[in-house]
PDB file of N, CA and C in Angstrom:
ATOM      1  N   MET A   1     -52.204 -50.294 -30.381  1.00  0.00           N
ATOM      2  CA  MET A   1     -51.159 -49.320 -30.587  1.00  0.00           C
ATOM      3  C   MET A   1     -49.782 -49.964 -30.675  1.00  0.00           C
ATOM      4  N   ILE A   2     -49.614 -51.080 -29.983  1.00  0.00           N
ATOM      5  CA  ILE A   2     -48.312 -51.757 -30.032  1.00  0.00           C
ATOM      6  C   ILE A   2     -48.048 -52.269 -31.450  1.00  0.00           C
ATOM      7  N   GLY A   3     -49.096 -52.769 -32.102  1.00  0.00           N
ATOM      8  CA  GLY A   3     -48.934 -53.252 -33.476  1.00  0.00           C
ATOM      9  C   GLY A   3     -48.521 -52.149 -34.427  1.00  0.00           C
ATOM     10  N   LEU A   4     -49.083 -50.972 -34.259  1.00  0.00           N
ATOM     11  CA  LEU A   4     -48.702 -49.839 -35.100  1.00  0.00           C
ATOM     12  C   LEU A   4     -47.252 -49.434 -34.866  1.00  0.00           C
ATOM     13  N   ASP A   5     -46.832 -49.457 -33.609  1.00  0.00           N
ATOM     14  CA  ASP A   5     -45.442 -49.104 -33.300  1.00  0.00           C
ATOM     15  C   ASP A   5     -44.466 -50.105 -33.907  1.00  0.00           C
ATOM     16  N   VAL A   6     -44.809 -51.377 -33.840  1.00  0.00           N
ATOM     17  CA  VAL A   6     -43.951 -52.415 -34.435  1.00  0.00           C
ATOM     18  C   VAL A   6     -43.897 -52.244 -35.944  1.00  0.00           C
ATOM     19  N   ALA A   7     -45.036 -51.960 -36.562  1.00  0.00           N
ATOM     20  CA  ALA A   7     -45.062 -51.768 -38.016  1.00  0.00           C
ATOM     21  C   ALA A   7     -44.244 -50.548 -38.427  1.00  0.00           C
ATOM     22  N   ILE A   8     -44.294 -49.490 -37.639  1.00  0.00           N
ATOM     23  CA  ILE A   8     -43.498 -48.293 -37.941  1.00  0.00           C
ATOM     24  C   ILE A   8     -42.017 -48.604 -37.852  1.00  0.00           C
ATOM     25  N   VAL A   9     -41.607 -49.354 -36.835  1.00  0.00           N
ATOM     26  CA  VAL A   9     -40.195 -49.716 -36.692  1.00  0.00           C
ATOM     27  C   VAL A   9     -39.738 -50.589 -37.858  1.00  0.00           C
ATOM     28  N   VAL A  10     -40.582 -51.525 -38.271  1.00  0.00           N
ATOM     29  CA  VAL A  10     -40.228 -52.397 -39.402  1.00  0.00           C
ATOM     30  C   VAL A  10     -40.096 -51.578 -40.682  1.00  0.00           C
ATOM     31  N   LEU A  11     -41.009 -50.655 -40.906  1.00  0.00           N
ATOM     32  CA  LEU A  11     -40.927 -49.841 -42.118  1.00  0.00           C
ATOM     33  C   LEU A  11     -39.728 -48.899 -42.104  1.00  0.00           C
ATOM     34  N   VAL A  12     -39.331 -48.436 -40.949  1.00  0.00           N
ATOM     35  CA  VAL A  12     -38.115 -47.617 -40.865  1.00  0.00           C
ATOM     36  C   VAL A  12     -36.891 -48.461 -41.229  1.00  0.00           C
ATOM     37  N   ALA A  13     -36.866 -49.706 -40.752  1.00  0.00           N
ATOM     38  CA  ALA A  13     -35.752 -50.606 -41.097  1.00  0.00           C
ATOM     39  C   ALA A  13     -35.728 -50.899 -42.594  1.00  0.00           C
ATOM     40  N   VAL A  14     -36.898 -51.093 -43.186  1.00  0.00           N
ATOM     41  CA  VAL A  14     -36.973 -51.335 -44.630  1.00  0.00           C
ATOM     42  C   VAL A  14     -36.510 -50.101 -45.401  1.00  0.00           C
ATOM     43  N   ALA A  15     -36.897 -48.918 -44.942  1.00  0.00           N
ATOM     44  CA  ALA A  15     -36.480 -47.688 -45.613  1.00  0.00           C
ATOM     45  C   ALA A  15     -34.967 -47.502 -45.537  1.00  0.00           C
ATOM     46  N   LEU A  16     -34.374 -47.828 -44.402  1.00  0.00           N
ATOM     47  CA  LEU A  16     -32.914 -47.734 -44.285  1.00  0.00           C
ATOM     48  C   LEU A  16     -32.213 -48.734 -45.202  1.00  0.00           C
ATOM     49  N   ALA A  17     -32.723 -49.962 -45.262  1.00  0.00           N
ATOM     50  CA  ALA A  17     -32.131 -50.966 -46.145  1.00  0.00           C
ATOM     51  C   ALA A  17     -32.276 -50.562 -47.611  1.00  0.00           C
ATOM     52  N   ALA A  18     -33.413 -49.999 -47.969  1.00  0.00           N
ATOM     53  CA  ALA A  18     -33.622 -49.557 -49.347  1.00  0.00           C
ATOM     54  C   ALA A  18     -32.706 -48.388 -49.690  1.00  0.00           C
ATOM     55  N   THR A  19     -32.475 -47.507 -48.734  1.00  0.00           N
ATOM     56  CA  THR A  19     -31.570 -46.381 -48.971  1.00  0.00           C
ATOM     57  C   THR A  19     -30.143 -46.863 -49.202  1.00  0.00           C
ATOM     58  N   ILE A  20     -29.711 -47.812 -48.402  1.00  0.00           N
ATOM     59  CA  ILE A  20     -28.364 -48.369 -48.586  1.00  0.00           C
ATOM     60  C   ILE A  20     -28.252 -49.052 -49.937  1.00  0.00           C
ATOM     61  N   ARG A  21     -29.281 -49.813 -50.318  1.00  0.00           N
ATOM     62  CA  ARG A  21     -29.251 -50.497 -51.609  1.00  0.00           C
ATOM     63  C   ARG A  21     -29.292 -49.502 -52.761  1.00  0.00           C
ATOM     64  N   MET A  22     -30.018 -48.426 -52.583  1.00  0.00           N
ATOM     65  CA  MET A  22     -30.098 -47.419 -53.634  1.00  0.00           C
ATOM     66  C   MET A  22     -28.756 -46.723 -53.829  1.00  0.00           C
ATOM     67  N   LEU A  23     -28.024 -46.512 -52.754  1.00  0.00           N
ATOM     68  CA  LEU A  23     -26.729 -45.851 -52.862  1.00  0.00           C
ATOM     69  C   LEU A  23     -25.630 -46.781 -53.362  1.00  0.00           C
ATOM     70  N   GLN A  24     -25.726 -48.082 -53.059  1.00  0.00           N
ATOM     71  CA  GLN A  24     -24.661 -49.019 -53.406  1.00  0.00           C
ATOM     72  C   GLN A  24     -25.030 -49.989 -54.515  1.00  0.00           C
ATOM     73  N   GLY A  25     -26.176 -49.812 -55.154  1.00  0.00           N
ATOM     74  CA  GLY A  25     -26.621 -50.767 -56.165  1.00  0.00           C
ATOM     75  C   GLY A  25     -25.626 -50.902 -57.305  1.00  0.00           C
ATOM     76  N   PRO A  26     -25.379 -52.135 -57.751  1.00  0.00           N
ATOM     77  CA  PRO A  26     -24.409 -52.303 -58.833  1.00  0.00           C
ATOM     78  C   PRO A  26     -24.921 -51.827 -60.190  1.00  0.00           C
ATOM     79  N   SER A  27     -26.230 -51.810 -60.399  1.00  0.00           N
ATOM     80  CA  SER A  27     -26.747 -51.369 -61.696  1.00  0.00           C
ATOM     81  C   SER A  27     -27.857 -50.342 -61.487  1.00  0.00           C
ATOM     82  N   ASN A  28     -28.204 -49.698 -62.565  1.00  0.00           N
ATOM     83  CA  ASN A  28     -29.277 -48.702 -62.489  1.00  0.00           C
ATOM     84  C   ASN A  28     -30.625 -49.342 -62.191  1.00  0.00           C
ATOM     85  N   ALA A  29     -30.838 -50.556 -62.657  1.00  0.00           N
ATOM     86  CA  ALA A  29     -32.096 -51.251 -62.380  1.00  0.00           C
ATOM     87  C   ALA A  29     -32.236 -51.556 -60.888  1.00  0.00           C
ATOM     88  N   ASP A  30     -31.138 -51.946 -60.237  1.00  0.00           N
ATOM     89  CA  ASP A  30     -31.177 -52.176 -58.789  1.00  0.00           C
ATOM     90  C   ASP A  30     -31.492 -50.892 -58.038  1.00  0.00           C
ATOM     91  N   ARG A  31     -30.934 -49.812 -58.489  1.00  0.00           N
ATOM     92  CA  ARG A  31     -31.203 -48.527 -57.851  1.00  0.00           C
ATOM     93  C   ARG A  31     -32.656 -48.108 -58.040  1.00  0.00           C
ATOM     94  N   ALA A  32     -33.218 -48.398 -59.213  1.00  0.00           N
ATOM     95  CA  ALA A  32     -34.613 -48.045 -59.481  1.00  0.00           C
ATOM     96  C   ALA A  32     -35.563 -48.852 -58.596  1.00  0.00           C
ATOM     97  N   VAL A  33     -35.293 -50.130 -58.443  1.00  0.00           N
ATOM     98  CA  VAL A  33     -36.135 -50.963 -57.583  1.00  0.00           C
ATOM     99  C   VAL A  33     -36.025 -50.511 -56.131  1.00  0.00           C
ATOM    100  N   ALA A  34     -34.831 -50.177 -55.692  1.00  0.00           N
ATOM    101  CA  ALA A  34     -34.641 -49.699 -54.323  1.00  0.00           C
ATOM    102  C   ALA A  34     -35.342 -48.358 -54.113  1.00  0.00           C
ATOM    103  N   ALA A  35     -35.325 -47.498 -55.116  1.00  0.00           N
ATOM    104  CA  ALA A  35     -36.019 -46.213 -54.997  1.00  0.00           C
ATOM    105  C   ALA A  35     -37.527 -46.413 -54.888  1.00  0.00           C
ATOM    106  N   ASP A  36     -38.077 -47.363 -55.651  1.00  0.00           N
ATOM    107  CA  ASP A  36     -39.502 -47.669 -55.540  1.00  0.00           C
ATOM    108  C   ASP A  36     -39.830 -48.227 -54.164  1.00  0.00           C
ATOM    109  N   LEU A  37     -38.989 -49.113 -53.661  1.00  0.00           N
ATOM    110  CA  LEU A  37     -39.210 -49.674 -52.332  1.00  0.00           C
ATOM    111  C   LEU A  37     -39.137 -48.590 -51.268  1.00  0.00           C
ATOM    112  N   LEU A  38     -38.203 -47.676 -51.406  1.00  0.00           N
ATOM    113  CA  LEU A  38     -38.077 -46.577 -50.457  1.00  0.00           C
ATOM    114  C   LEU A  38     -39.312 -45.686 -50.496  1.00  0.00           C
ATOM    115  N   MET A  39     -39.780 -45.379 -51.693  1.00  0.00           N
ATOM    116  CA  MET A  39     -40.952 -44.518 -51.820  1.00  0.00           C
ATOM    117  C   MET A  39     -42.184 -45.169 -51.201  1.00  0.00           C
ATOM    118  N   PHE A  40     -42.397 -46.452 -51.456  1.00  0.00           N
ATOM    119  CA  PHE A  40     -43.580 -47.107 -50.910  1.00  0.00           C
ATOM    120  C   PHE A  40     -43.456 -47.370 -49.415  1.00  0.00           C
ATOM    121  N   SER A  41     -42.250 -47.541 -48.908  1.00  0.00           N
ATOM    122  CA  SER A  41     -42.109 -47.684 -47.460  1.00  0.00           C
ATOM    123  C   SER A  41     -42.361 -46.345 -46.757  1.00  0.00           C
ATOM    124  N   VAL A  42     -41.956 -45.245 -47.381  1.00  0.00           N
ATOM    125  CA  VAL A  42     -42.263 -43.930 -46.820  1.00  0.00           C
ATOM    126  C   VAL A  42     -43.774 -43.681 -46.864  1.00  0.00           C
ATOM    127  N   LEU A  43     -44.425 -44.109 -47.939  1.00  0.00           N
ATOM    128  CA  LEU A  43     -45.878 -43.989 -47.996  1.00  0.00           C
ATOM    129  C   LEU A  43     -46.542 -44.808 -46.895  1.00  0.00           C
ATOM    130  N   GLY A  44     -46.020 -45.989 -46.637  1.00  0.00           N
ATOM    131  CA  GLY A  44     -46.548 -46.802 -45.548  1.00  0.00           C
ATOM    132  C   GLY A  44     -46.354 -46.139 -44.198  1.00  0.00           C
ATOM    133  N   LEU A  45     -45.198 -45.517 -44.015  1.00  0.00           N
ATOM    134  CA  LEU A  45     -44.950 -44.787 -42.772  1.00  0.00           C
ATOM    135  C   LEU A  45     -45.933 -43.629 -42.594  1.00  0.00           C
ATOM    136  N   ILE A  46     -46.173 -42.907 -43.667  1.00  0.00           N
ATOM    137  CA  ILE A  46     -47.119 -41.800 -43.583  1.00  0.00           C
ATOM    138  C   ILE A  46     -48.517 -42.325 -43.254  1.00  0.00           C
ATOM    139  N   ALA A  47     -48.898 -43.444 -43.860  1.00  0.00           N
ATOM    140  CA  ALA A  47     -50.214 -44.017 -43.588  1.00  0.00           C
ATOM    141  C   ALA A  47     -50.331 -44.460 -42.135  1.00  0.00           C
ATOM    142  N   LEU A  48     -49.308 -45.124 -41.619  1.00  0.00           N
ATOM    143  CA  LEU A  48     -49.367 -45.586 -40.232  1.00  0.00           C
ATOM    144  C   LEU A  48     -49.372 -44.425 -39.244  1.00  0.00           C
ATOM    145  N   ILE A  49     -48.600 -43.410 -39.531  1.00  0.00           N
ATOM    146  CA  ILE A  49     -48.604 -42.235 -38.652  1.00  0.00           C
ATOM    147  C   ILE A  49     -49.956 -41.529 -38.728  1.00  0.00           C
ATOM    148  N   GLY A  50     -50.575 -41.517 -39.913  1.00  0.00           N
ATOM    149  CA  GLY A  50     -51.903 -40.927 -40.049  1.00  0.00           C
ATOM    150  C   GLY A  50     -52.959 -41.705 -39.276  1.00  0.00           C
ATOM    151  N   VAL A  51     -52.853 -43.032 -39.288  1.00  0.00           N
ATOM    152  CA  VAL A  51     -53.782 -43.857 -38.513  1.00  0.00           C
ATOM    153  C   VAL A  51     -53.568 -43.635 -37.027  1.00  0.00           C
ATOM    154  N   ARG A  52     -52.317 -43.565 -36.640  1.00  0.00           N
ATOM    155  CA  ARG A  52     -52.015 -43.393 -35.217  1.00  0.00           C
ATOM    156  C   ARG A  52     -52.475 -42.035 -34.685  1.00  0.00           C
ATOM    157  N   SER A  53     -52.315 -40.998 -35.499  1.00  0.00           N
ATOM    158  CA  SER A  53     -52.721 -39.676 -35.040  1.00  0.00           C
ATOM    159  C   SER A  53     -54.197 -39.402 -35.291  1.00  0.00           C
ATOM    160  N   GLY A  54     -54.830 -40.186 -36.140  1.00  0.00           N
ATOM    161  CA  GLY A  54     -56.243 -39.978 -36.429  1.00  0.00           C
ATOM    162  C   GLY A  54     -56.503 -38.851 -37.407  1.00  0.00           C
ATOM    163  N   SER A  55     -55.506 -38.468 -38.160  1.00  0.00           N
ATOM    164  CA  SER A  55     -55.632 -37.365 -39.106  1.00  0.00           C
ATOM    165  C   SER A  55     -56.168 -37.871 -40.443  1.00  0.00           C
ATOM    166  N   ILE A  56     -57.186 -37.213 -40.945  1.00  0.00           N
ATOM    167  CA  ILE A  56     -57.776 -37.603 -42.228  1.00  0.00           C
ATOM    168  C   ILE A  56     -56.999 -36.983 -43.390  1.00  0.00           C
ATOM    169  N   ALA A  57     -56.356 -35.879 -43.171  1.00  0.00           N
ATOM    170  CA  ALA A  57     -55.649 -35.166 -44.238  1.00  0.00           C
ATOM    171  C   ALA A  57     -54.480 -35.975 -44.799  1.00  0.00           C
ATOM    172  N   THR A  58     -53.921 -36.874 -44.015  1.00  0.00           N
ATOM    173  CA  THR A  58     -52.784 -37.658 -44.513  1.00  0.00           C
ATOM    174  C   THR A  58     -53.194 -38.591 -45.644  1.00  0.00           C
ATOM    175  N   PHE A  59     -54.443 -38.978 -45.689  1.00  0.00           N
ATOM    176  CA  PHE A  59     -54.868 -39.900 -46.730  1.00  0.00           C
ATOM    177  C   PHE A  59     -54.988 -39.215 -48.085  1.00  0.00           C
ATOM    178  N   ASP A  60     -55.299 -37.931 -48.099  1.00  0.00           N
ATOM    179  CA  ASP A  60     -55.246 -37.175 -49.347  1.00  0.00           C
ATOM    180  C   ASP A  60     -53.808 -37.087 -49.846  1.00  0.00           C
ATOM    181  N   LEU A  61     -52.897 -36.847 -48.934  1.00  0.00           N
ATOM    182  CA  LEU A  61     -51.478 -36.812 -49.269  1.00  0.00           C
ATOM    183  C   LEU A  61     -51.016 -38.164 -49.812  1.00  0.00           C
ATOM    184  N   LEU A  62     -51.484 -39.233 -49.216  1.00  0.00           N
ATOM    185  CA  LEU A  62     -51.103 -40.574 -49.672  1.00  0.00           C
ATOM    186  C   LEU A  62     -51.607 -40.860 -51.077  1.00  0.00           C
ATOM    187  N   LEU A  63     -52.808 -40.447 -51.368  1.00  0.00           N
ATOM    188  CA  LEU A  63     -53.373 -40.674 -52.694  1.00  0.00           C
ATOM    189  C   LEU A  63     -52.550 -39.979 -53.767  1.00  0.00           C
ATOM    190  N   ILE A  64     -52.238 -38.729 -53.552  1.00  0.00           N
ATOM    191  CA  ILE A  64     -51.462 -37.970 -54.541  1.00  0.00           C
ATOM    192  C   ILE A  64     -50.036 -38.509 -54.641  1.00  0.00           C
ATOM    193  N   ALA A  65     -49.413 -38.816 -53.507  1.00  0.00           N
ATOM    194  CA  ALA A  65     -48.029 -39.313 -53.525  1.00  0.00           C
ATOM    195  C   ALA A  65     -47.938 -40.696 -54.178  1.00  0.00           C
ATOM    196  N   SER A  66     -48.933 -41.542 -53.988  1.00  0.00           N
ATOM    197  CA  SER A  66     -48.873 -42.861 -54.622  1.00  0.00           C
ATOM    198  C   SER A  66     -49.058 -42.756 -56.133  1.00  0.00           C
ATOM    199  N   LEU A  67     -49.889 -41.840 -56.584  1.00  0.00           N
ATOM    200  CA  LEU A  67     -50.032 -41.637 -58.026  1.00  0.00           C
ATOM    201  C   LEU A  67     -48.745 -41.099 -58.639  1.00  0.00           C
ATOM    202  N   VAL A  68     -48.120 -40.140 -57.966  1.00  0.00           N
ATOM    203  CA  VAL A  68     -46.852 -39.593 -58.456  1.00  0.00           C
ATOM    204  C   VAL A  68     -45.771 -40.671 -58.438  1.00  0.00           C
ATOM    205  N   GLY A  69     -45.740 -41.491 -57.386  1.00  0.00           N
ATOM    206  CA  GLY A  69     -44.760 -42.567 -57.302  1.00  0.00           C
ATOM    207  C   GLY A  69     -44.946 -43.607 -58.388  1.00  0.00           C
ATOM    208  N   PHE A  70     -46.188 -43.943 -58.697  1.00  0.00           N
ATOM    209  CA  PHE A  70     -46.453 -44.898 -59.760  1.00  0.00           C
ATOM    210  C   PHE A  70     -46.007 -44.357 -61.114  1.00  0.00           C
ATOM    211  N   LEU A  71     -46.323 -43.105 -61.369  1.00  0.00           N
ATOM    212  CA  LEU A  71     -45.911 -42.511 -62.641  1.00  0.00           C
ATOM    213  C   LEU A  71     -44.396 -42.367 -62.738  1.00  0.00           C
ATOM    214  N   SER A  72     -43.739 -42.084 -61.629  1.00  0.00           N
ATOM    215  CA  SER A  72     -42.278 -41.991 -61.669  1.00  0.00           C
ATOM    216  C   SER A  72     -41.656 -43.363 -61.891  1.00  0.00           C
ATOM    217  N   ALA A  73     -42.260 -44.412 -61.343  1.00  0.00           N
ATOM    218  CA  ALA A  73     -41.743 -45.769 -61.583  1.00  0.00           C
ATOM    219  C   ALA A  73     -41.887 -46.142 -63.056  1.00  0.00           C
ATOM    220  N   LEU A  74     -43.006 -45.768 -63.653  1.00  0.00           N
ATOM    221  CA  LEU A  74     -43.186 -46.045 -65.080  1.00  0.00           C
ATOM    222  C   LEU A  74     -42.183 -45.285 -65.933  1.00  0.00           C
ATOM    223  N   SER A  75     -41.974 -44.019 -65.631  1.00  0.00           N
ATOM    224  CA  SER A  75     -41.040 -43.239 -66.436  1.00  0.00           C
ATOM    225  C   SER A  75     -39.605 -43.706 -66.238  1.00  0.00           C
ATOM    226  N   LEU A  76     -39.269 -44.131 -65.037  1.00  0.00           N
ATOM    227  CA  LEU A  76     -37.923 -44.642 -64.792  1.00  0.00           C
ATOM    228  C   LEU A  76     -37.701 -45.967 -65.519  1.00  0.00           C
ATOM    229  N   ALA A  77     -38.707 -46.821 -65.540  1.00  0.00           N
ATOM    230  CA  ALA A  77     -38.592 -48.078 -66.289  1.00  0.00           C
ATOM    231  C   ALA A  77     -38.454 -47.803 -67.779  1.00  0.00           C
ATOM    232  N   ARG A  78     -39.184 -46.829 -68.253  1.00  0.00           N
ATOM    233  CA  ARG A  78     -39.076 -46.468 -69.673  1.00  0.00           C
ATOM    234  C   ARG A  78     -37.688 -45.903 -69.986  1.00  0.00           C
ATOM    235  N   ALA A  79     -37.134 -45.128 -69.081  1.00  0.00           N
ATOM    236  CA  ALA A  79     -35.789 -44.568 -69.297  1.00  0.00           C
ATOM    237  C   ALA A  79     -34.729 -45.659 -69.248  1.00  0.00           C
ATOM    238  N   LEU A  80     -34.903 -46.651 -68.361  1.00  0.00           N
ATOM    239  CA  LEU A  80     -33.917 -47.722 -68.281  1.00  0.00           C
ATOM    240  C   LEU A  80     -33.924 -48.612 -69.513  1.00  0.00           C
ATOM    241  N   THR A  81     -35.099 -48.790 -70.119  1.00  0.00           N
ATOM    242  CA  THR A  81     -35.177 -49.610 -71.334  1.00  0.00           C
ATOM    243  C   THR A  81     -34.942 -48.783 -72.595  1.00  0.00           C
ATOM    244  N   ARG A  82     -34.674 -47.505 -72.414  1.00  0.00           N
ATOM    245  CA  ARG A  82     -34.397 -46.568 -73.515  1.00  0.00           C
ATOM    246  C   ARG A  82     -35.558 -46.512 -74.513  1.00  0.00           C
ATOM    247  N   GLY A  83     -36.787 -46.609 -74.010  1.00  0.00           N
ATOM    248  CA  GLY A  83     -37.965 -46.434 -74.850  1.00  0.00           C
ATOM    249  C   GLY A  83     -38.399 -47.651 -75.620  1.00  0.00           C
ATOM    250  N   ARG A  84     -37.674 -48.772 -75.502  1.00  0.00           N
ATOM    251  CA  ARG A  84     -38.099 -49.975 -76.220  1.00  0.00           C
ATOM    252  C   ARG A  84     -39.298 -50.585 -75.535  1.00  0.00           C
ATOM    253  N   ARG A  85     -40.155 -51.194 -76.297  1.00  0.00           N
ATOM    254  CA  ARG A  85     -41.334 -51.848 -75.726  1.00  0.00           C
ATOM    255  C   ARG A  85     -41.196 -53.328 -75.749  1.00  0.00           C
TER     256      ARG A  85
END
């Protein structure tokens, strides 16, 4: 349980750093990378809290949220490159 608590604290610190970078990023690409990092750190937090509480329902939530996050990262990358391949 101590390992889970340490991992939760580390992920909270990463989420705070990503939020600061997302708000202060000098370019849109920096903000997009910070938003992806924030989304995946929140997913990690949800997973760790689900493991700690023993809830199976959180893993269904994680599956759907990770798919939505992946698709949003793709669409944001496409918007930043203005559709060029």
